[in-house]
Amino acid sequence: MIDIPAILAQLQQHYDAAVSALREDVIAFGKNGTVPPQRKREDGSYAYPQITMRYAGIGAPRDRSRAFGRLEMPGTYTTTITRPDLFAAYLTEQLQLIAAEYEIDVSVERSRQEIPFPYVLDGEAGAAMVGIAPQDIAQHFPSTDLALIGDELADGIEFDEDQDMPLSLFDALRTDYSLARLKHYTGTEVSDFQDFILFTNYHRYVDEFVNWGAKQIGENGYVALTGAAGLDIRENTPHAQDQLNDTAWRKHQMPAYHLIREDGRGITLVNIGVGPSNAKTICDHLAVLRPHAWMMIGHCGGLRSTQKIGDFVLAHAYLRDD
C-alpha cells in the first residue's frame, strides 16, 4: 500500500519550496533589480510538483460505473499539482480509491512546468513590484502563457501515445489560472467555495440565501457565512440581508456567498448575472474545484394552466414568441 499522507506531505514540501523561491527572487528583483541565475529556470526551482503513478496492469475496479478513481489501462500516469493544501481531501480520496483496487507505485518530484510569477504576487511581493512593468518581470521569471492553458483533456482531445497518460483533467497551470479568476470574478477566497453550488441571476435570491444561511450557523455543521465585499458572519444572525454591501456588484462581476461547513460540504451561491457567457465562464473555472453538484435557480414563464406558483419545473426546451 502507498503512504498517502507522505505523498501529500511531499507535494506540499515541493510546492512550498517553489513558491518561496519564486517569491523571494521576485521581491529581490523588485527592490534592487537582482536577476536570478539562469540555472533556476533550468533545474525546476520555480516548478510545480508532479505526481507520477505507475500501473503494471494488476488489479481492476470493483465498480465499473464509477467515473473517477480508476485506471483504464497499464502505463504511467502523471499530472502537476498546485495548492496541495486546498486539494488535500480530493487527492486523498482519489489515491485511496485507486490504491484499494490496483497495484501501483507512486512518486513525487519536481515537474518542468513552472509557476507563473503573478500567482505569488501578494503582500510584500506585490508591493515590491509597484512601478515595474509586467513585461520586464517576464524577461526573468515564468509568466502566464494562455497558449499553455487549455481544456484539451476535459474536451476529450487525444494525447500523444509517446507521452505519459494524464492523471487529472486539469494540470497545475490550468488550475491556478482558474483559482485566480474565481477570486477576481466572485470577490471571495477560493478556500471558501463549497461542494454544493447554486447559480442565480436575481439579487432577491441572494437576499434570501444570506438571510436563511446566517440562521443556519451553529446548526448541521455550518460554521460561517462569507461573501463578496467583505461579508463575514460567524454566529447565528437574523436579518443578515442588512449586512450585504451594495457595492459588491460594482466591484465583482459574479459575487459569491458561501455557507461554510468545515468538511466543505456546505453551499455556495454565485450571482452570475444575465447571459450565457458568464455562465460558461464561471463553470469552466469552478470545474477545477471538483464540486459535488451545481444547479441554477431562477424563474420563467409557464405554459400550462395546471402549473401554479411553487411548482418545481425542470425546463428542457423553450419556444420563442416569434
C-alpha atoms as a PDB file:
ATOM      1  CA  MET A   1       0.000   0.000   0.000  1.00  0.00           C
ATOM      2  CA  ILE A   2       1.133   3.533  -0.703  1.00  0.00           C
ATOM      3  CA  ASP A   3       1.645   6.068   2.095  1.00  0.00           C
ATOM      4  CA  ILE A   4      -0.894   8.756   1.168  1.00  0.00           C
ATOM      5  CA  PRO A   5      -0.075  11.231   3.993  1.00  0.00           C
ATOM      6  CA  ALA A   6       3.604  11.035   2.987  1.00  0.00           C
ATOM      7  CA  ILE A   7       2.708  11.688  -0.663  1.00  0.00           C
ATOM      8  CA  LEU A   8       0.658  14.754   0.288  1.00  0.00           C
ATOM      9  CA  ALA A   9       3.474  15.988   2.523  1.00  0.00           C
ATOM     10  CA  GLN A  10       5.975  15.673  -0.341  1.00  0.00           C
ATOM     11  CA  LEU A  11       3.662  17.555  -2.697  1.00  0.00           C
ATOM     12  CA  GLN A  12       3.265  20.342  -0.143  1.00  0.00           C
ATOM     13  CA  GLN A  13       7.001  20.487   0.522  1.00  0.00           C
ATOM     14  CA  HIS A  14       7.875  20.771  -3.178  1.00  0.00           C
ATOM     15  CA  TYR A  15       5.138  23.346  -3.766  1.00  0.00           C
ATOM     16  CA  ASP A  16       6.067  25.499  -0.767  1.00  0.00           C
ATOM     17  CA  ALA A  17       9.748  25.446  -1.752  1.00  0.00           C
ATOM     18  CA  ALA A  18       8.987  26.537  -5.326  1.00  0.00           C
ATOM     19  CA  VAL A  19       6.619  29.319  -4.237  1.00  0.00           C
ATOM     20  CA  SER A  20       9.098  30.547  -1.632  1.00  0.00           C
ATOM     21  CA  ALA A  21      11.997  30.591  -4.113  1.00  0.00           C
ATOM     22  CA  LEU A  22       9.957  32.404  -6.757  1.00  0.00           C
ATOM     23  CA  ARG A  23       8.524  34.945  -4.319  1.00  0.00           C
ATOM     24  CA  GLU A  24      11.901  35.724  -2.739  1.00  0.00           C
ATOM     25  CA  ASP A  25      13.566  36.219  -6.121  1.00  0.00           C
ATOM     26  CA  VAL A  26      10.711  38.369  -7.423  1.00  0.00           C
ATOM     27  CA  ILE A  27      10.957  40.580  -4.316  1.00  0.00           C
ATOM     28  CA  ALA A  28      14.732  40.903  -4.767  1.00  0.00           C
ATOM     29  CA  PHE A  29      14.233  41.869  -8.415  1.00  0.00           C
ATOM     30  CA  GLY A  30      11.599  44.441  -7.486  1.00  0.00           C
ATOM     31  CA  LYS A  31      13.638  46.020  -4.701  1.00  0.00           C
ATOM     32  CA  ASN A  32      17.112  46.192  -6.223  1.00  0.00           C
ATOM     33  CA  GLY A  33      16.952  44.684  -9.719  1.00  0.00           C
ATOM     34  CA  THR A  34      18.662  41.403  -8.786  1.00  0.00           C
ATOM     35  CA  VAL A  35      18.302  38.968 -11.682  1.00  0.00           C
ATOM     36  CA  PRO A  36      18.044  35.285 -10.678  1.00  0.00           C
ATOM     37  CA  PRO A  37      20.649  32.861 -12.069  1.00  0.00           C
ATOM     38  CA  GLN A  38      19.568  31.038 -15.235  1.00  0.00           C
ATOM     39  CA  ARG A  39      20.019  27.669 -13.526  1.00  0.00           C
ATOM     40  CA  LYS A  40      16.848  28.318 -11.512  1.00  0.00           C
ATOM     41  CA  ARG A  41      14.855  28.267 -14.737  1.00  0.00           C
ATOM     42  CA  GLU A  42      16.564  25.035 -15.739  1.00  0.00           C
ATOM     43  CA  ASP A  43      16.616  22.995 -12.520  1.00  0.00           C
ATOM     44  CA  GLY A  44      12.937  23.375 -11.614  1.00  0.00           C
ATOM     45  CA  SER A  45      13.399  25.809  -8.741  1.00  0.00           C
ATOM     46  CA  TYR A  46      10.157  27.557  -9.733  1.00  0.00           C
ATOM     47  CA  ALA A  47       8.292  24.443 -10.884  1.00  0.00           C
ATOM     48  CA  TYR A  48       5.093  22.813  -9.668  1.00  0.00           C
ATOM     49  CA  PRO A  49       5.375  19.395  -8.022  1.00  0.00           C
ATOM     50  CA  GLN A  50       4.431  16.406 -10.132  1.00  0.00           C
ATOM     51  CA  ILE A  51       2.831  13.152  -9.046  1.00  0.00           C
ATOM     52  CA  THR A  52       3.571  10.067 -11.131  1.00  0.00           C
ATOM     53  CA  MET A  53       1.685   6.779 -10.876  1.00  0.00           C
ATOM     54  CA  ARG A  54       2.901   3.557 -12.487  1.00  0.00           C
ATOM     55  CA  TYR A  55       0.421   0.748 -13.063  1.00  0.00           C
ATOM     56  CA  ALA A  56       1.569  -2.606 -14.455  1.00  0.00           C
ATOM     57  CA  GLY A  57      -1.922  -3.977 -15.048  1.00  0.00           C
ATOM     58  CA  ILE A  58      -2.593  -5.849 -11.809  1.00  0.00           C
ATOM     59  CA  GLY A  59      -5.994  -5.044 -10.344  1.00  0.00           C
ATOM     60  CA  ALA A  60      -9.375  -3.904 -11.629  1.00  0.00           C
ATOM     61  CA  PRO A  61     -12.212  -1.661 -10.401  1.00  0.00           C
ATOM     62  CA  ARG A  62     -14.940  -3.413  -8.440  1.00  0.00           C
ATOM     63  CA  ASP A  63     -17.431  -0.744  -9.511  1.00  0.00           C
ATOM     64  CA  ARG A  64     -17.092  -0.062 -13.233  1.00  0.00           C
ATOM     65  CA  SER A  65     -19.850   2.552 -13.141  1.00  0.00           C
ATOM     66  CA  ARG A  66     -17.618   4.896 -11.150  1.00  0.00           C
ATOM     67  CA  ALA A  67     -16.358   7.722 -13.361  1.00  0.00           C
ATOM     68  CA  PHE A  68     -13.372   8.631 -11.191  1.00  0.00           C
ATOM     69  CA  GLY A  69     -10.663   6.959  -9.132  1.00  0.00           C
ATOM     70  CA  ARG A  70      -9.958   4.348 -11.795  1.00  0.00           C
ATOM     71  CA  LEU A  71      -7.261   3.432 -14.315  1.00  0.00           C
ATOM     72  CA  GLU A  72      -8.216   2.347 -17.819  1.00  0.00           C
ATOM     73  CA  MET A  73      -5.009   0.646 -18.934  1.00  0.00           C
ATOM     74  CA  PRO A  74      -1.489  -0.220 -17.754  1.00  0.00           C
ATOM     75  CA  GLY A  75       1.100   2.513 -18.058  1.00  0.00           C
ATOM     76  CA  THR A  76       2.486   5.639 -16.445  1.00  0.00           C
ATOM     77  CA  TYR A  77       0.093   8.382 -15.360  1.00  0.00           C
ATOM     78  CA  THR A  78       1.184  11.845 -14.302  1.00  0.00           C
ATOM     79  CA  THR A  79      -0.043  15.352 -13.530  1.00  0.00           C
ATOM     80  CA  THR A  80       1.237  18.545 -11.952  1.00  0.00           C
ATOM     81  CA  ILE A  81      -0.293  19.770  -8.689  1.00  0.00           C
ATOM     82  CA  THR A  82      -0.905  23.237  -7.256  1.00  0.00           C
ATOM     83  CA  ARG A  83      -2.194  24.170  -3.796  1.00  0.00           C
ATOM     84  CA  PRO A  84      -1.902  20.671  -2.266  1.00  0.00           C
ATOM     85  CA  ASP A  85      -3.417  22.065   0.934  1.00  0.00           C
ATOM     86  CA  LEU A  86      -6.572  23.173  -0.893  1.00  0.00           C
ATOM     87  CA  PHE A  87      -6.973  19.863  -2.725  1.00  0.00           C
ATOM     88  CA  ALA A  88      -5.843  17.524   0.071  1.00  0.00           C
ATOM     89  CA  ALA A  89      -9.270  15.919   0.552  1.00  0.00           C
ATOM     90  CA  TYR A  90      -9.721  15.389  -3.185  1.00  0.00           C
ATOM     91  CA  LEU A  91      -6.242  13.929  -3.646  1.00  0.00           C
ATOM     92  CA  THR A  92      -6.683  11.658  -0.630  1.00  0.00           C
ATOM     93  CA  GLU A  93      -9.985  10.277  -1.908  1.00  0.00           C
ATOM     94  CA  GLN A  94      -8.638   9.601  -5.401  1.00  0.00           C
ATOM     95  CA  LEU A  95      -5.469   7.918  -4.161  1.00  0.00           C
ATOM     96  CA  GLN A  96      -7.402   5.793  -1.654  1.00  0.00           C
ATOM     97  CA  LEU A  97      -9.809   4.552  -4.326  1.00  0.00           C
ATOM     98  CA  ILE A  98      -7.036   3.671  -6.759  1.00  0.00           C
ATOM     99  CA  ALA A  99      -4.734   2.099  -4.169  1.00  0.00           C
ATOM    100  CA  ALA A 100      -7.579  -0.098  -2.885  1.00  0.00           C
ATOM    101  CA  GLU A 101      -8.112  -1.745  -6.284  1.00  0.00           C
ATOM    102  CA  TYR A 102      -4.827  -1.544  -8.194  1.00  0.00           C
ATOM    103  CA  GLU A 103      -1.202  -2.382  -7.518  1.00  0.00           C
ATOM    104  CA  ILE A 104       0.528   0.943  -8.129  1.00  0.00           C
ATOM    105  CA  ASP A 105       3.776   2.746  -7.460  1.00  0.00           C
ATOM    106  CA  VAL A 106       3.599   6.488  -6.770  1.00  0.00           C
ATOM    107  CA  SER A 107       6.395   9.057  -6.761  1.00  0.00           C
ATOM    108  CA  VAL A 108       6.585  12.834  -6.297  1.00  0.00           C
ATOM    109  CA  GLU A 109       9.187  15.084  -7.903  1.00  0.00           C
ATOM    110  CA  ARG A 110       9.684  18.485  -9.475  1.00  0.00           C
ATOM    111  CA  SER A 111       7.985  18.939 -12.813  1.00  0.00           C
ATOM    112  CA  ARG A 112       9.138  21.026 -15.766  1.00  0.00           C
ATOM    113  CA  GLN A 113       6.001  23.189 -15.562  1.00  0.00           C
ATOM    114  CA  GLU A 114       6.828  26.496 -13.885  1.00  0.00           C
ATOM    115  CA  ILE A 115       4.606  28.613 -11.631  1.00  0.00           C
ATOM    116  CA  PRO A 116       3.804  31.960 -13.320  1.00  0.00           C
ATOM    117  CA  PHE A 117       5.026  34.896 -11.233  1.00  0.00           C
ATOM    118  CA  PRO A 118       1.588  36.647 -10.976  1.00  0.00           C
ATOM    119  CA  TYR A 119       0.373  33.794  -8.750  1.00  0.00           C
ATOM    120  CA  VAL A 120       2.861  34.687  -6.000  1.00  0.00           C
ATOM    121  CA  LEU A 121       2.443  38.474  -6.118  1.00  0.00           C
ATOM    122  CA  ASP A 122       0.687  39.056  -2.823  1.00  0.00           C
ATOM    123  CA  GLY A 123       1.687  41.062   0.222  1.00  0.00           C
ATOM    124  CA  GLU A 124       5.360  42.029   0.187  1.00  0.00           C
ATOM    125  CA  ALA A 125       5.941  40.605  -3.286  1.00  0.00           C
ATOM    126  CA  GLY A 126       3.117  42.669  -4.753  1.00  0.00           C
ATOM    127  CA  ALA A 127       4.324  45.835  -3.060  1.00  0.00           C
ATOM    128  CA  ALA A 128       7.855  45.301  -4.359  1.00  0.00           C
ATOM    129  CA  MET A 129       6.562  45.216  -7.942  1.00  0.00           C
ATOM    130  CA  VAL A 130       4.847  48.612  -7.840  1.00  0.00           C
ATOM    131  CA  GLY A 131       6.004  50.671 -10.811  1.00  0.00           C
ATOM    132  CA  ILE A 132       7.664  47.746 -12.605  1.00  0.00           C
ATOM    133  CA  ALA A 133       6.179  46.707 -15.959  1.00  0.00           C
ATOM    134  CA  PRO A 134       4.999  43.060 -16.130  1.00  0.00           C
ATOM    135  CA  GLN A 135       6.959  42.532 -19.349  1.00  0.00           C
ATOM    136  CA  ASP A 136      10.160  43.441 -17.503  1.00  0.00           C
ATOM    137  CA  ILE A 137       9.456  40.808 -14.856  1.00  0.00           C
ATOM    138  CA  ALA A 138       8.562  38.246 -17.528  1.00  0.00           C
ATOM    139  CA  GLN A 139      12.040  38.559 -19.035  1.00  0.00           C
ATOM    140  CA  HIS A 140      13.499  36.803 -15.988  1.00  0.00           C
ATOM    141  CA  PHE A 141      10.640  34.835 -14.396  1.00  0.00           C
ATOM    142  CA  PRO A 142       7.996  32.365 -15.625  1.00  0.00           C
ATOM    143  CA  SER A 143       4.887  34.210 -16.800  1.00  0.00           C
ATOM    144  CA  THR A 144       1.316  33.342 -17.710  1.00  0.00           C
ATOM    145  CA  ASP A 145       1.091  32.000 -21.270  1.00  0.00           C
ATOM    146  CA  LEU A 146      -2.501  31.292 -22.303  1.00  0.00           C
ATOM    147  CA  ALA A 147      -1.217  29.122 -25.149  1.00  0.00           C
ATOM    148  CA  LEU A 148      -0.173  26.586 -22.493  1.00  0.00           C
ATOM    149  CA  ILE A 149      -3.507  26.688 -20.641  1.00  0.00           C
ATOM    150  CA  GLY A 150      -6.424  24.787 -22.121  1.00  0.00           C
ATOM    151  CA  ASP A 151      -9.119  22.150 -21.779  1.00  0.00           C
ATOM    152  CA  GLU A 152      -7.772  19.597 -24.232  1.00  0.00           C
ATOM    153  CA  LEU A 153      -8.061  16.748 -21.739  1.00  0.00           C
ATOM    154  CA  ALA A 154     -11.514  17.707 -20.480  1.00  0.00           C
ATOM    155  CA  ASP A 155     -12.665  18.143 -24.086  1.00  0.00           C
ATOM    156  CA  GLY A 156     -11.520  14.633 -24.967  1.00  0.00           C
ATOM    157  CA  ILE A 157      -8.715  15.561 -27.344  1.00  0.00           C
ATOM    158  CA  GLU A 158      -6.410  12.564 -27.715  1.00  0.00           C
ATOM    159  CA  PHE A 159      -2.944  12.764 -26.213  1.00  0.00           C
ATOM    160  CA  ASP A 160       0.349  11.672 -27.735  1.00  0.00           C
ATOM    161  CA  GLU A 161       0.869   7.932 -27.224  1.00  0.00           C
ATOM    162  CA  ASP A 162       4.570   8.545 -26.564  1.00  0.00           C
ATOM    163  CA  GLN A 163       3.753  10.705 -23.535  1.00  0.00           C
ATOM    164  CA  ASP A 164       2.676   9.676 -20.050  1.00  0.00           C
ATOM    165  CA  MET A 165      -1.076   9.394 -19.652  1.00  0.00           C
ATOM    166  CA  PRO A 166      -2.856  12.215 -17.790  1.00  0.00           C
ATOM    167  CA  LEU A 167      -3.770  11.529 -14.177  1.00  0.00           C
ATOM    168  CA  SER A 168      -6.102  14.533 -13.986  1.00  0.00           C
ATOM    169  CA  LEU A 169      -8.319  16.568 -16.307  1.00  0.00           C
ATOM    170  CA  PHE A 170      -6.708  19.798 -15.079  1.00  0.00           C
ATOM    171  CA  ASP A 171      -2.989  20.299 -14.573  1.00  0.00           C
ATOM    172  CA  ALA A 172      -1.498  22.851 -12.183  1.00  0.00           C
ATOM    173  CA  LEU A 173      -1.313  25.677 -14.737  1.00  0.00           C
ATOM    174  CA  ARG A 174      -4.966  25.331 -15.709  1.00  0.00           C
ATOM    175  CA  THR A 175      -5.992  25.041 -12.060  1.00  0.00           C
ATOM    176  CA  ASP A 176      -4.029  28.079 -10.873  1.00  0.00           C
ATOM    177  CA  TYR A 177      -5.439  30.143 -13.732  1.00  0.00           C
ATOM    178  CA  SER A 178      -8.992  29.272 -12.677  1.00  0.00           C
ATOM    179  CA  LEU A 179      -8.318  29.848  -8.976  1.00  0.00           C
ATOM    180  CA  ALA A 180      -7.112  33.358  -9.781  1.00  0.00           C
ATOM    181  CA  ARG A 181     -10.143  34.010 -12.000  1.00  0.00           C
ATOM    182  CA  LEU A 182     -12.575  32.766  -9.344  1.00  0.00           C
ATOM    183  CA  LYS A 183     -11.197  35.188  -6.768  1.00  0.00           C
ATOM    184  CA  HIS A 184     -11.342  38.024  -9.307  1.00  0.00           C
ATOM    185  CA  TYR A 185     -14.875  37.326 -10.544  1.00  0.00           C
ATOM    186  CA  THR A 186     -16.552  36.475  -7.230  1.00  0.00           C
ATOM    187  CA  GLY A 187     -14.674  38.654  -4.745  1.00  0.00           C
ATOM    188  CA  THR A 188     -14.160  35.745  -2.343  1.00  0.00           C
ATOM    189  CA  GLU A 189     -11.371  33.363  -1.349  1.00  0.00           C
ATOM    190  CA  VAL A 190     -11.298  30.088  -3.278  1.00  0.00           C
ATOM    191  CA  SER A 191     -10.923  28.207   0.002  1.00  0.00           C
ATOM    192  CA  ASP A 192     -14.472  29.322   0.918  1.00  0.00           C
ATOM    193  CA  PHE A 193     -16.138  27.562  -2.035  1.00  0.00           C
ATOM    194  CA  GLN A 194     -18.256  24.592  -1.004  1.00  0.00           C
ATOM    195  CA  ASP A 195     -19.150  21.276  -2.670  1.00  0.00           C
ATOM    196  CA  PHE A 196     -22.752  22.228  -3.487  1.00  0.00           C
ATOM    197  CA  ILE A 197     -23.147  25.260  -5.733  1.00  0.00           C
ATOM    198  CA  LEU A 198     -26.197  27.287  -6.706  1.00  0.00           C
ATOM    199  CA  PHE A 199     -26.290  29.783  -9.568  1.00  0.00           C
ATOM    200  CA  THR A 200     -28.786  32.603  -9.846  1.00  0.00           C
ATOM    201  CA  ASN A 201     -29.235  35.822 -11.789  1.00  0.00           C
ATOM    202  CA  TYR A 202     -31.661  37.532  -9.422  1.00  0.00           C
ATOM    203  CA  HIS A 203     -30.429  39.553  -6.466  1.00  0.00           C
ATOM    204  CA  ARG A 204     -33.518  38.703  -4.438  1.00  0.00           C
ATOM    205  CA  TYR A 205     -32.295  35.107  -4.259  1.00  0.00           C
ATOM    206  CA  VAL A 206     -29.039  36.418  -2.811  1.00  0.00           C
ATOM    207  CA  ASP A 207     -31.032  38.246  -0.132  1.00  0.00           C
ATOM    208  CA  GLU A 208     -32.986  35.095   0.707  1.00  0.00           C
ATOM    209  CA  PHE A 209     -29.871  32.915   0.748  1.00  0.00           C
ATOM    210  CA  VAL A 210     -27.985  35.276   3.051  1.00  0.00           C
ATOM    211  CA  ASN A 211     -30.958  35.624   5.416  1.00  0.00           C
ATOM    212  CA  TRP A 212     -31.508  31.864   5.530  1.00  0.00           C
ATOM    213  CA  GLY A 213     -27.814  30.972   5.632  1.00  0.00           C
ATOM    214  CA  ALA A 214     -26.967  33.230   8.569  1.00  0.00           C
ATOM    215  CA  LYS A 215     -29.644  31.492  10.632  1.00  0.00           C
ATOM    216  CA  GLN A 216     -28.091  28.070   9.921  1.00  0.00           C
ATOM    217  CA  ILE A 217     -24.774  28.870  11.616  1.00  0.00           C
ATOM    218  CA  GLY A 218     -24.318  26.572  14.575  1.00  0.00           C
ATOM    219  CA  GLU A 219     -26.700  24.005  13.069  1.00  0.00           C
ATOM    220  CA  ASN A 220     -25.946  20.942  10.916  1.00  0.00           C
ATOM    221  CA  GLY A 221     -22.222  21.650  10.861  1.00  0.00           C
ATOM    222  CA  TYR A 222     -22.439  25.163   9.395  1.00  0.00           C
ATOM    223  CA  VAL A 223     -19.819  27.466  10.907  1.00  0.00           C
ATOM    224  CA  ALA A 224     -19.801  30.681   8.850  1.00  0.00           C
ATOM    225  CA  LEU A 225     -21.353  32.705   6.051  1.00  0.00           C
ATOM    226  CA  THR A 226     -18.925  34.665   3.894  1.00  0.00           C
ATOM    227  CA  GLY A 227     -19.362  36.625   0.703  1.00  0.00           C
ATOM    228  CA  ALA A 228     -18.315  39.344  -1.698  1.00  0.00           C
ATOM    229  CA  ALA A 229     -17.436  42.833  -0.454  1.00  0.00           C
ATOM    230  CA  GLY A 230     -16.303  41.524   2.933  1.00  0.00           C
ATOM    231  CA  LEU A 231     -19.401  39.721   4.210  1.00  0.00           C
ATOM    232  CA  ASP A 232     -18.278  37.541   7.140  1.00  0.00           C
ATOM    233  CA  ILE A 233     -20.794  36.193   9.674  1.00  0.00           C
ATOM    234  CA  ARG A 234     -19.662  33.697  12.322  1.00  0.00           C
ATOM    235  CA  GLU A 235     -22.731  33.342  14.537  1.00  0.00           C
ATOM    236  CA  ASN A 236     -26.454  32.812  14.110  1.00  0.00           C
ATOM    237  CA  THR A 237     -27.721  36.175  12.870  1.00  0.00           C
ATOM    238  CA  PRO A 238     -31.259  37.322  12.000  1.00  0.00           C
ATOM    239  CA  HIS A 239     -31.854  39.814   9.163  1.00  0.00           C
ATOM    240  CA  ALA A 240     -28.372  39.232   7.750  1.00  0.00           C
ATOM    241  CA  GLN A 241     -29.512  40.808   4.495  1.00  0.00           C
ATOM    242  CA  ASP A 242     -28.865  44.172   6.147  1.00  0.00           C
ATOM    243  CA  GLN A 243     -25.129  43.380   6.128  1.00  0.00           C
ATOM    244  CA  LEU A 244     -24.949  42.955   2.356  1.00  0.00           C
ATOM    245  CA  ASN A 245     -22.769  45.572   0.715  1.00  0.00           C
ATOM    246  CA  ASP A 246     -24.421  47.313  -2.227  1.00  0.00           C
ATOM    247  CA  THR A 247     -21.022  47.827  -3.846  1.00  0.00           C
ATOM    248  CA  ALA A 248     -20.484  44.092  -4.477  1.00  0.00           C
ATOM    249  CA  TRP A 249     -21.905  44.286  -7.992  1.00  0.00           C
ATOM    250  CA  ARG A 250     -19.782  47.290  -8.912  1.00  0.00           C
ATOM    251  CA  LYS A 251     -16.598  45.582  -7.706  1.00  0.00           C
ATOM    252  CA  HIS A 252     -17.167  41.991  -8.789  1.00  0.00           C
ATOM    253  CA  GLN A 253     -18.657  40.546 -11.954  1.00  0.00           C
ATOM    254  CA  MET A 254     -20.217  37.493 -10.272  1.00  0.00           C
ATOM    255  CA  PRO A 255     -20.418  37.925  -6.471  1.00  0.00           C
ATOM    256  CA  ALA A 256     -20.438  34.700  -4.456  1.00  0.00           C
ATOM    257  CA  TYR A 257     -21.735  33.803  -0.996  1.00  0.00           C
ATOM    258  CA  HIS A 258     -20.686  30.730   0.976  1.00  0.00           C
ATOM    259  CA  LEU A 259     -22.491  28.891   3.772  1.00  0.00           C
ATOM    260  CA  ILE A 260     -19.451  27.049   5.090  1.00  0.00           C
ATOM    261  CA  ARG A 261     -19.002  23.680   6.749  1.00  0.00           C
ATOM    262  CA  GLU A 262     -15.580  22.627   7.973  1.00  0.00           C
ATOM    263  CA  ASP A 263     -15.755  19.499   5.800  1.00  0.00           C
ATOM    264  CA  GLY A 264     -16.507  21.601   2.710  1.00  0.00           C
ATOM    265  CA  ARG A 265     -19.975  20.091   2.275  1.00  0.00           C
ATOM    266  CA  GLY A 266     -21.731  23.432   2.567  1.00  0.00           C
ATOM    267  CA  ILE A 267     -23.461  25.580  -0.045  1.00  0.00           C
ATOM    268  CA  THR A 268     -22.139  28.305  -2.338  1.00  0.00           C
ATOM    269  CA  LEU A 269     -24.398  30.739  -4.210  1.00  0.00           C
ATOM    270  CA  VAL A 270     -22.999  32.641  -7.213  1.00  0.00           C
ATOM    271  CA  ASN A 271     -24.929  35.523  -8.753  1.00  0.00           C
ATOM    272  CA  ILE A 272     -23.856  35.075 -12.377  1.00  0.00           C
ATOM    273  CA  GLY A 273     -25.918  37.922 -13.792  1.00  0.00           C
ATOM    274  CA  VAL A 274     -27.543  37.669 -17.209  1.00  0.00           C
ATOM    275  CA  GLY A 275     -26.111  35.950 -20.254  1.00  0.00           C
ATOM    276  CA  PRO A 276     -24.623  32.584 -21.241  1.00  0.00           C
ATOM    277  CA  SER A 277     -21.069  33.966 -21.382  1.00  0.00           C
ATOM    278  CA  ASN A 278     -20.968  34.465 -17.613  1.00  0.00           C
ATOM    279  CA  ALA A 279     -22.496  31.032 -17.037  1.00  0.00           C
ATOM    280  CA  LYS A 280     -19.905  29.299 -19.218  1.00  0.00           C
ATOM    281  CA  THR A 281     -17.031  31.273 -17.729  1.00  0.00           C
ATOM    282  CA  ILE A 282     -17.867  30.510 -14.106  1.00  0.00           C
ATOM    283  CA  CYS A 283     -18.492  26.811 -14.833  1.00  0.00           C
ATOM    284  CA  ASP A 284     -15.147  26.494 -16.637  1.00  0.00           C
ATOM    285  CA  HIS A 285     -13.362  27.864 -13.581  1.00  0.00           C
ATOM    286  CA  LEU A 286     -15.417  26.141 -10.883  1.00  0.00           C
ATOM    287  CA  ALA A 287     -14.730  22.780 -12.531  1.00  0.00           C
ATOM    288  CA  VAL A 288     -11.160  22.715 -11.180  1.00  0.00           C
ATOM    289  CA  LEU A 289     -12.573  22.653  -7.622  1.00  0.00           C
ATOM    290  CA  ARG A 290     -14.430  19.387  -8.401  1.00  0.00           C
ATOM    291  CA  PRO A 291     -17.747  20.441  -6.791  1.00  0.00           C
ATOM    292  CA  HIS A 292     -20.184  17.663  -5.958  1.00  0.00           C
ATOM    293  CA  ALA A 293     -23.146  19.294  -7.716  1.00  0.00           C
ATOM    294  CA  TRP A 294     -24.343  22.597  -9.121  1.00  0.00           C
ATOM    295  CA  MET A 295     -27.777  23.877 -10.070  1.00  0.00           C
ATOM    296  CA  MET A 296     -29.299  27.055 -11.496  1.00  0.00           C
ATOM    297  CA  ILE A 297     -32.220  28.633  -9.661  1.00  0.00           C
ATOM    298  CA  GLY A 298     -34.460  31.317 -11.114  1.00  0.00           C
ATOM    299  CA  HIS A 299     -37.895  31.631 -12.627  1.00  0.00           C
ATOM    300  CA  CYS A 300     -39.526  31.575 -16.027  1.00  0.00           C
ATOM    301  CA  GLY A 301     -42.944  31.804 -17.645  1.00  0.00           C
ATOM    302  CA  GLY A 302     -45.148  28.714 -17.578  1.00  0.00           C
ATOM    303  CA  LEU A 303     -47.206  27.390 -20.492  1.00  0.00           C
ATOM    304  CA  ARG A 304     -49.650  25.074 -18.744  1.00  0.00           C
ATOM    305  CA  SER A 305     -52.777  26.070 -16.904  1.00  0.00           C
ATOM    306  CA  THR A 306     -52.102  23.233 -14.443  1.00  0.00           C
ATOM    307  CA  GLN A 307     -48.972  24.937 -13.128  1.00  0.00           C
ATOM    308  CA  LYS A 308     -49.158  27.056 -10.012  1.00  0.00           C
ATOM    309  CA  ILE A 309     -46.736  29.181  -8.033  1.00  0.00           C
ATOM    310  CA  GLY A 310     -44.356  26.982  -6.072  1.00  0.00           C
ATOM    311  CA  ASP A 311     -44.316  24.075  -8.541  1.00  0.00           C
ATOM    312  CA  PHE A 312     -40.895  22.657  -9.396  1.00  0.00           C
ATOM    313  CA  VAL A 313     -40.416  22.734 -13.175  1.00  0.00           C
ATOM    314  CA  LEU A 314     -37.487  21.118 -14.961  1.00  0.00           C
ATOM    315  CA  ALA A 315     -37.209  23.017 -18.255  1.00  0.00           C
ATOM    316  CA  HIS A 316     -35.587  21.149 -21.151  1.00  0.00           C
ATOM    317  CA  ALA A 317     -36.560  23.405 -24.082  1.00  0.00           C
ATOM    318  CA  TYR A 318     -38.188  26.708 -24.897  1.00  0.00           C
ATOM    319  CA  LEU A 319     -40.266  28.302 -27.669  1.00  0.00           C
ATOM    320  CA  ARG A 320     -39.723  31.810 -28.980  1.00  0.00           C
ATOM    321  CA  ASP A 321     -42.766  34.032 -29.240  1.00  0.00           C
ATOM    322  CA  ASP A 322     -41.886  34.909 -32.845  1.00  0.00           C
END
